N, C-alpha and C. Protein backbone atom coordinates (compact mmCIF):
# COMPACT_ATOMS: atom_id res chain seq x y z
N MET A 1 0.98 -1.09 0.04
CA MET A 1 -0.12 0.17 0.61
C MET A 1 0.80 1.18 -0.10
N ALA A 2 1.75 1.59 0.34
CA ALA A 2 2.87 2.62 0.80
C ALA A 2 3.35 3.09 -0.27
N LYS A 3 3.23 1.74 -1.30
CA LYS A 3 4.52 2.28 -2.62
C LYS A 3 2.46 2.73 -4.12
N GLU A 4 1.40 2.38 -3.07
CA GLU A 4 0.48 3.28 -4.19
C GLU A 4 0.99 4.73 -4.45
N GLY A 5 1.23 4.62 -2.72
CA GLY A 5 0.85 6.56 -2.68
C GLY A 5 2.11 7.02 -2.87
N THR A 6 3.63 6.28 -2.96
CA THR A 6 4.96 6.38 -3.86
C THR A 6 4.75 6.73 -4.99
N ILE A 7 4.29 5.97 -6.09
CA ILE A 7 3.40 6.32 -7.31
C ILE A 7 3.16 7.89 -7.20
N LYS A 8 1.88 7.55 -7.06
CA LYS A 8 1.20 8.81 -7.04
C LYS A 8 1.79 10.03 -7.16
N VAL A 9 2.75 9.78 -5.79
CA VAL A 9 3.09 11.77 -5.53
C VAL A 9 4.58 11.90 -6.24
N LEU A 10 5.21 10.57 -6.91
CA LEU A 10 6.43 10.38 -7.87
C LEU A 10 5.83 11.04 -9.12
N GLY A 11 4.17 10.59 -9.40
CA GLY A 11 3.67 11.01 -10.44
C GLY A 11 3.65 12.46 -11.09
N ILE A 12 2.80 12.82 -9.21
CA ILE A 12 2.10 13.80 -9.62
C ILE A 12 3.76 15.42 -9.77
N ILE A 13 4.03 14.50 -9.18
CA ILE A 13 5.83 15.75 -8.65
C ILE A 13 5.88 15.43 -10.13
N ALA A 14 6.18 15.01 -11.26
CA ALA A 14 6.95 14.72 -12.91
C ALA A 14 5.78 15.96 -13.60
N ILE A 15 5.01 15.50 -13.02
CA ILE A 15 3.59 15.50 -13.80
C ILE A 15 3.68 17.77 -13.32
N VAL A 16 4.08 18.18 -12.14
CA VAL A 16 4.29 19.12 -11.62
C VAL A 16 5.51 19.64 -12.42
N TYR A 17 6.88 18.94 -12.74
CA TYR A 17 7.57 19.62 -12.71
C TYR A 17 7.85 19.84 -14.20
N GLY A 18 7.41 19.27 -15.37
CA GLY A 18 6.84 19.47 -16.41
C GLY A 18 6.22 20.75 -16.91
N ILE A 19 5.35 20.74 -15.81
CA ILE A 19 4.62 22.40 -15.87
C ILE A 19 5.66 23.62 -15.34
N LEU A 20 6.02 23.03 -14.91
CA LEU A 20 7.29 24.25 -13.99
C LEU A 20 7.83 24.63 -14.67
N ILE A 21 8.50 23.53 -15.68
CA ILE A 21 9.66 24.23 -16.61
C ILE A 21 8.74 25.11 -18.31
N LEU A 22 8.13 24.53 -18.38
CA LEU A 22 6.85 25.32 -19.81
C LEU A 22 6.94 26.38 -19.20
N ALA A 23 6.79 26.87 -17.98
CA ALA A 23 6.04 27.77 -17.38
C ALA A 23 6.95 28.99 -16.74
N LEU A 24 7.93 28.08 -16.46
CA LEU A 24 8.69 28.99 -17.02
C LEU A 24 9.51 29.32 -18.29
N ILE A 25 9.66 28.77 -19.20
CA ILE A 25 10.37 29.37 -20.45
C ILE A 25 8.84 30.48 -20.91
N ILE A 26 7.98 29.89 -20.76
CA ILE A 26 6.62 30.71 -21.43
C ILE A 26 7.33 31.71 -21.30
N GLY A 27 7.30 32.11 -19.70
CA GLY A 27 7.20 33.39 -18.66
C GLY A 27 8.47 34.32 -18.86
N VAL A 28 9.54 33.88 -19.37
CA VAL A 28 10.44 34.46 -19.48
C VAL A 28 10.62 34.81 -20.49
N TYR A 29 10.26 34.12 -22.00
CA TYR A 29 10.43 34.60 -23.42
C TYR A 29 9.12 35.71 -23.35
N SER A 30 8.39 35.40 -22.96
CA SER A 30 7.17 36.36 -23.49
C SER A 30 7.03 37.72 -22.80
N PHE A 31 8.02 37.73 -21.36
CA PHE A 31 8.55 38.52 -21.14
C PHE A 31 9.24 39.69 -21.77
N ALA A 32 10.29 38.87 -22.14
CA ALA A 32 11.48 39.56 -22.82
C ALA A 32 10.99 40.16 -24.25
N PHE A 33 9.70 39.37 -25.46
CA PHE A 33 9.34 40.15 -25.73
C PHE A 33 8.35 40.90 -25.96
N ALA A 34 7.59 40.53 -24.95
CA ALA A 34 6.52 41.99 -24.49
C ALA A 34 7.27 43.40 -24.41
N SER A 35 8.84 43.12 -23.61
CA SER A 35 9.52 44.30 -23.20
C SER A 35 10.06 44.79 -23.91
N TYR A 36 10.50 44.45 -24.67
CA TYR A 36 11.55 45.14 -25.86
C TYR A 36 11.08 44.74 -27.16
N THR A 37 11.57 45.27 -28.22
CA THR A 37 11.40 45.88 -29.31
C THR A 37 12.09 44.25 -30.04
N PHE A 38 11.73 44.03 -31.47
CA PHE A 38 12.52 42.83 -31.26
C PHE A 38 13.94 42.91 -32.04
N GLN A 39 14.18 44.16 -32.65
CA GLN A 39 15.26 44.89 -33.44
C GLN A 39 16.23 44.22 -31.85
N TYR A 40 16.03 44.39 -30.31
CA TYR A 40 16.81 44.71 -29.49
C TYR A 40 16.70 43.63 -28.89
N ILE A 41 16.05 42.67 -29.56
CA ILE A 41 16.16 41.76 -28.80
C ILE A 41 17.12 40.24 -29.41
N GLN A 42 17.09 40.70 -30.83
CA GLN A 42 18.20 40.39 -31.78
C GLN A 42 19.39 40.32 -31.26
N GLU A 43 19.83 42.20 -30.52
CA GLU A 43 20.98 42.31 -30.02
C GLU A 43 21.04 41.33 -28.99
N MET A 44 20.31 41.79 -28.46
CA MET A 44 20.91 41.39 -26.78
C MET A 44 21.20 39.57 -26.94
N GLY A 45 20.97 38.96 -28.19
CA GLY A 45 21.49 38.17 -28.26
C GLY A 45 20.48 37.18 -27.83
N VAL A 46 18.66 37.21 -26.86
CA VAL A 46 17.67 35.93 -26.80
C VAL A 46 17.63 35.53 -27.34
N LEU A 47 17.87 35.54 -28.92
CA LEU A 47 17.45 34.53 -30.33
C LEU A 47 18.28 32.88 -29.80
N SER A 48 19.39 33.68 -29.70
CA SER A 48 20.39 32.72 -29.62
C SER A 48 20.21 31.26 -28.28
N TYR A 49 18.89 31.31 -28.06
CA TYR A 49 18.98 30.44 -26.73
C TYR A 49 17.83 29.58 -27.58
N PHE A 50 17.63 29.81 -28.45
CA PHE A 50 16.15 28.70 -29.09
C PHE A 50 17.03 27.72 -29.21
N PRO A 51 18.11 27.19 -29.04
CA PRO A 51 18.61 25.62 -29.46
C PRO A 51 18.42 25.30 -27.90
N ILE A 52 18.51 26.09 -27.42
CA ILE A 52 18.68 25.18 -25.99
C ILE A 52 16.72 24.99 -24.61
N LEU A 53 15.86 26.17 -25.61
CA LEU A 53 14.51 25.59 -25.62
C LEU A 53 14.31 24.32 -25.98
N VAL A 54 13.67 24.36 -27.10
CA VAL A 54 13.70 23.46 -27.69
C VAL A 54 14.01 22.22 -27.53
N PRO A 55 15.15 21.46 -26.85
CA PRO A 55 15.91 20.63 -25.86
C PRO A 55 14.25 20.50 -25.07
N MET A 56 15.12 21.75 -23.87
CA MET A 56 14.09 21.38 -22.54
C MET A 56 12.52 21.59 -23.39
N ILE A 57 11.49 22.17 -23.65
CA ILE A 57 10.04 22.40 -23.94
C ILE A 57 9.60 20.79 -24.39
N ILE A 58 10.92 19.70 -24.56
CA ILE A 58 10.67 18.43 -25.42
C ILE A 58 10.53 17.83 -23.95
N ILE A 59 11.99 17.85 -22.69
CA ILE A 59 12.13 17.34 -21.89
C ILE A 59 10.62 17.21 -20.29
N ALA A 60 10.45 19.07 -20.78
CA ALA A 60 9.38 19.04 -20.01
C ALA A 60 8.12 18.38 -20.64
N ILE A 61 7.47 18.43 -21.76
CA ILE A 61 6.77 17.88 -21.78
C ILE A 61 6.63 15.90 -22.46
N LEU A 62 8.41 15.15 -22.06
CA LEU A 62 8.17 13.69 -21.43
C LEU A 62 7.23 13.83 -20.28
N TYR A 63 8.44 14.73 -18.46
CA TYR A 63 8.10 14.84 -17.59
C TYR A 63 6.47 14.90 -17.84
N ILE A 64 5.00 15.18 -18.91
CA ILE A 64 4.47 15.60 -17.84
C ILE A 64 3.83 13.93 -18.35
N VAL A 65 4.04 13.50 -20.00
CA VAL A 65 3.81 12.49 -20.42
C VAL A 65 3.59 11.99 -19.84
N GLY A 66 5.27 11.01 -19.61
CA GLY A 66 5.94 10.31 -18.19
C GLY A 66 5.02 10.05 -16.87
N GLY A 67 4.75 11.59 -15.99
CA GLY A 67 4.25 11.32 -14.78
C GLY A 67 3.08 10.91 -15.44
N ILE A 68 1.72 11.43 -16.19
CA ILE A 68 0.60 10.94 -16.53
C ILE A 68 0.56 8.94 -16.33
N ALA A 69 1.62 8.29 -17.65
CA ALA A 69 1.54 7.18 -17.25
C ALA A 69 2.09 5.96 -16.31
N PHE A 70 2.92 7.09 -16.13
CA PHE A 70 3.14 6.57 -14.04
C PHE A 70 2.42 6.33 -13.33
N LEU A 71 1.22 7.67 -13.08
CA LEU A 71 0.21 7.34 -12.53
C LEU A 71 -0.63 6.61 -13.01
N LYS A 72 -1.19 5.74 -14.21
CA LYS A 72 -1.85 4.71 -15.22
C LYS A 72 -1.05 3.69 -15.08
N TYR A 73 -0.08 3.47 -13.86
CA TYR A 73 0.78 1.99 -13.75
C TYR A 73 1.21 1.51 -15.22
N LYS A 74 1.58 2.04 -16.27
CA LYS A 74 1.81 1.51 -17.46
C LYS A 74 4.38 1.56 -17.00
N ASN A 75 4.25 1.20 -17.65
CA ASN A 75 5.87 0.26 -17.78
C ASN A 75 6.75 1.00 -18.41
N TRP A 76 6.00 1.93 -19.60
CA TRP A 76 7.15 2.56 -20.27
C TRP A 76 7.14 3.82 -19.64
N GLY A 77 5.86 4.45 -18.68
CA GLY A 77 6.07 5.76 -17.86
C GLY A 77 7.68 5.67 -17.18
N ARG A 78 7.51 4.70 -16.20
CA ARG A 78 8.48 4.19 -15.32
C ARG A 78 9.97 4.44 -16.59
N ILE A 79 9.78 4.05 -17.29
CA ILE A 79 11.25 3.51 -18.39
C ILE A 79 11.72 4.77 -18.61
N LEU A 80 10.49 5.86 -19.68
CA LEU A 80 10.61 7.10 -19.45
C LEU A 80 10.67 8.20 -17.85
N LEU A 81 10.16 7.47 -17.61
CA LEU A 81 11.11 8.14 -16.12
C LEU A 81 11.95 8.77 -16.22
N ILE A 82 12.77 7.31 -15.87
CA ILE A 82 14.25 6.33 -15.82
C ILE A 82 15.14 7.55 -16.55
N ILE A 83 14.87 7.63 -17.86
CA ILE A 83 15.74 8.51 -18.65
C ILE A 83 15.67 10.07 -18.67
N LEU A 84 14.22 10.18 -17.82
CA LEU A 84 14.24 11.82 -17.21
C LEU A 84 15.43 12.07 -16.96
N SER A 85 15.17 10.97 -15.59
CA SER A 85 16.12 11.10 -14.11
C SER A 85 17.51 11.19 -15.10
N ILE A 86 18.04 10.23 -15.49
CA ILE A 86 19.53 10.08 -15.16
C ILE A 86 19.61 11.84 -16.23
N VAL A 87 19.47 12.32 -17.33
CA VAL A 87 19.09 13.53 -18.11
C VAL A 87 19.11 14.56 -16.73
N ASN A 88 18.13 14.60 -16.08
CA ASN A 88 17.73 15.45 -15.24
C ASN A 88 19.34 15.64 -13.70
N LEU A 89 19.49 14.31 -13.52
CA LEU A 89 20.86 14.52 -13.08
C LEU A 89 21.96 15.64 -13.41
N LEU A 90 21.88 15.94 -14.65
CA LEU A 90 23.07 16.77 -15.00
C LEU A 90 23.09 18.58 -14.49
N ALA A 91 21.30 18.71 -14.33
CA ALA A 91 20.36 19.86 -13.83
C ALA A 91 20.67 20.52 -11.77
N PHE A 92 22.25 20.74 -11.83
CA PHE A 92 22.03 20.71 -10.38
C PHE A 92 22.19 22.32 -9.77
N PRO A 93 21.24 21.64 -8.47
CA PRO A 93 21.61 20.89 -7.33
C PRO A 93 20.33 20.42 -7.30
N VAL A 94 19.80 20.93 -7.74
CA VAL A 94 17.88 20.68 -7.75
C VAL A 94 18.17 19.38 -8.43
N GLY A 95 17.77 19.03 -9.57
CA GLY A 95 17.59 17.76 -10.46
C GLY A 95 17.93 17.10 -9.90
N THR A 96 19.65 17.25 -9.74
CA THR A 96 21.16 16.09 -9.22
C THR A 96 19.75 15.42 -8.15
N ILE A 97 19.20 16.09 -7.29
CA ILE A 97 18.50 15.73 -6.19
C ILE A 97 17.45 14.74 -5.93
N MET A 98 17.28 15.23 -7.20
CA MET A 98 14.77 14.84 -7.59
C MET A 98 15.82 13.78 -7.77
N GLY A 99 16.94 14.04 -9.09
CA GLY A 99 16.81 12.30 -10.40
C GLY A 99 17.54 11.41 -9.64
N ILE A 100 18.06 10.87 -8.01
CA ILE A 100 18.88 10.52 -7.46
C ILE A 100 17.73 9.62 -6.75
N ILE A 101 16.64 10.56 -5.98
CA ILE A 101 15.54 10.02 -5.82
C ILE A 101 15.07 9.45 -6.58
N TYR A 102 14.94 9.64 -7.85
CA TYR A 102 13.57 8.83 -8.86
C TYR A 102 14.33 8.13 -9.13
N LEU A 103 15.52 7.96 -9.46
CA LEU A 103 16.26 6.50 -9.90
C LEU A 103 15.71 5.28 -8.49
N ILE A 104 16.25 5.96 -7.34
CA ILE A 104 16.11 5.41 -5.92
C ILE A 104 14.18 4.53 -6.02
N TYR A 105 14.18 5.11 -6.40
CA TYR A 105 11.76 4.41 -6.30
C TYR A 105 12.04 3.81 -8.05
N LEU A 106 12.61 3.69 -8.96
CA LEU A 106 11.89 4.18 -10.22
C LEU A 106 12.76 2.37 -9.68
N PHE A 107 13.88 2.01 -9.36
CA PHE A 107 14.46 0.61 -9.60
C PHE A 107 14.16 0.11 -8.60
N ASN A 108 13.54 -0.23 -7.82
CA ASN A 108 12.98 -0.58 -6.59
C ASN A 108 11.82 -1.73 -7.15
N SER A 109 12.62 -2.98 -6.50
CA SER A 109 11.02 -4.37 -6.66
C SER A 109 10.30 -3.91 -6.92
N GLU A 110 9.79 -3.88 -6.18
CA GLU A 110 8.39 -3.87 -5.24
C GLU A 110 7.36 -2.94 -6.93
N VAL A 111 8.54 -1.82 -7.03
CA VAL A 111 8.11 -0.62 -7.87
C VAL A 111 7.55 -0.96 -9.18
N LYS A 112 8.43 -2.50 -10.01
CA LYS A 112 9.31 -2.96 -11.26
C LYS A 112 7.93 -3.67 -11.00
N VAL A 113 7.50 -4.47 -10.04
CA VAL A 113 6.87 -5.40 -9.80
C VAL A 113 5.31 -4.64 -10.44
N MET A 114 4.74 -3.53 -9.87
CA MET A 114 3.51 -2.77 -9.61
C MET A 114 3.23 -2.84 -11.45
N MET A 115 4.36 -2.40 -12.43
CA MET A 115 3.98 -1.78 -12.90
C MET A 115 3.90 -3.15 -14.66
N GLN A 116 4.01 -4.14 -13.83
CA GLN A 116 3.84 -5.51 -15.44
C GLN A 116 2.52 -5.41 -14.94
């Protein structure tokens, strides 16, 4: 029973984390585009961040999808969250802590059995 609660918490955290990433990206860029002219934005070099933003948006969407699948006890959702947690280890310090916690629970044998 305790593992069901853990699965719900981890799934919800993954969904919220993905939503927060998207909200941060949208908020920062909407502020930048609303506050300055397009020419000034080009001069500041803000547009050069787009190659970084696209993977971040994809990761955020995958966190949301993986969290929903994990809440529905889909094994592919667990595998997706494992992959995202490994990537998240690079996001020091919060992402590293979150990635370690997720990996500990996602590789737990009881969680594996529940996901089959």
